[in-house]
């Protein structure tokens, strides 16, 4: 279940890039 934490961090990073990108 440790993958969930890492996956969540990746999701937050992707969202951050999408928000800061444009």
Protein backbone atom coordinates (compact mmCIF):
# COMPACT_ATOMS: atom_id res chain seq x y z
CA UNK A 1 0.00 0.00 0.00
CA UNK A 2 3.09 2.21 0.04
CA UNK A 3 2.61 2.70 -3.71
CA UNK A 4 -0.49 4.79 -2.95
CA UNK A 5 1.61 7.45 -1.20
CA UNK A 6 4.11 7.61 -4.06
CA UNK A 7 1.33 7.66 -6.64
CA UNK A 8 -0.34 10.50 -4.77
CA UNK A 9 2.90 12.50 -4.83
CA UNK A 10 3.19 11.91 -8.59
CA UNK A 11 -0.43 13.00 -9.08
CA UNK A 12 0.19 16.19 -7.09
CA UNK A 13 3.30 16.87 -9.18
CA UNK A 14 1.38 16.41 -12.44
CA UNK A 15 -1.41 18.71 -11.25
CA UNK A 16 1.19 21.30 -10.18
CA UNK A 17 2.78 21.18 -13.64
CA UNK A 18 -0.61 21.55 -15.32
CA UNK A 19 -1.52 24.51 -13.10
CA UNK A 20 1.87 26.25 -13.31
CA UNK A 21 2.37 25.30 -16.98
CA UNK A 22 -0.27 27.52 -18.65
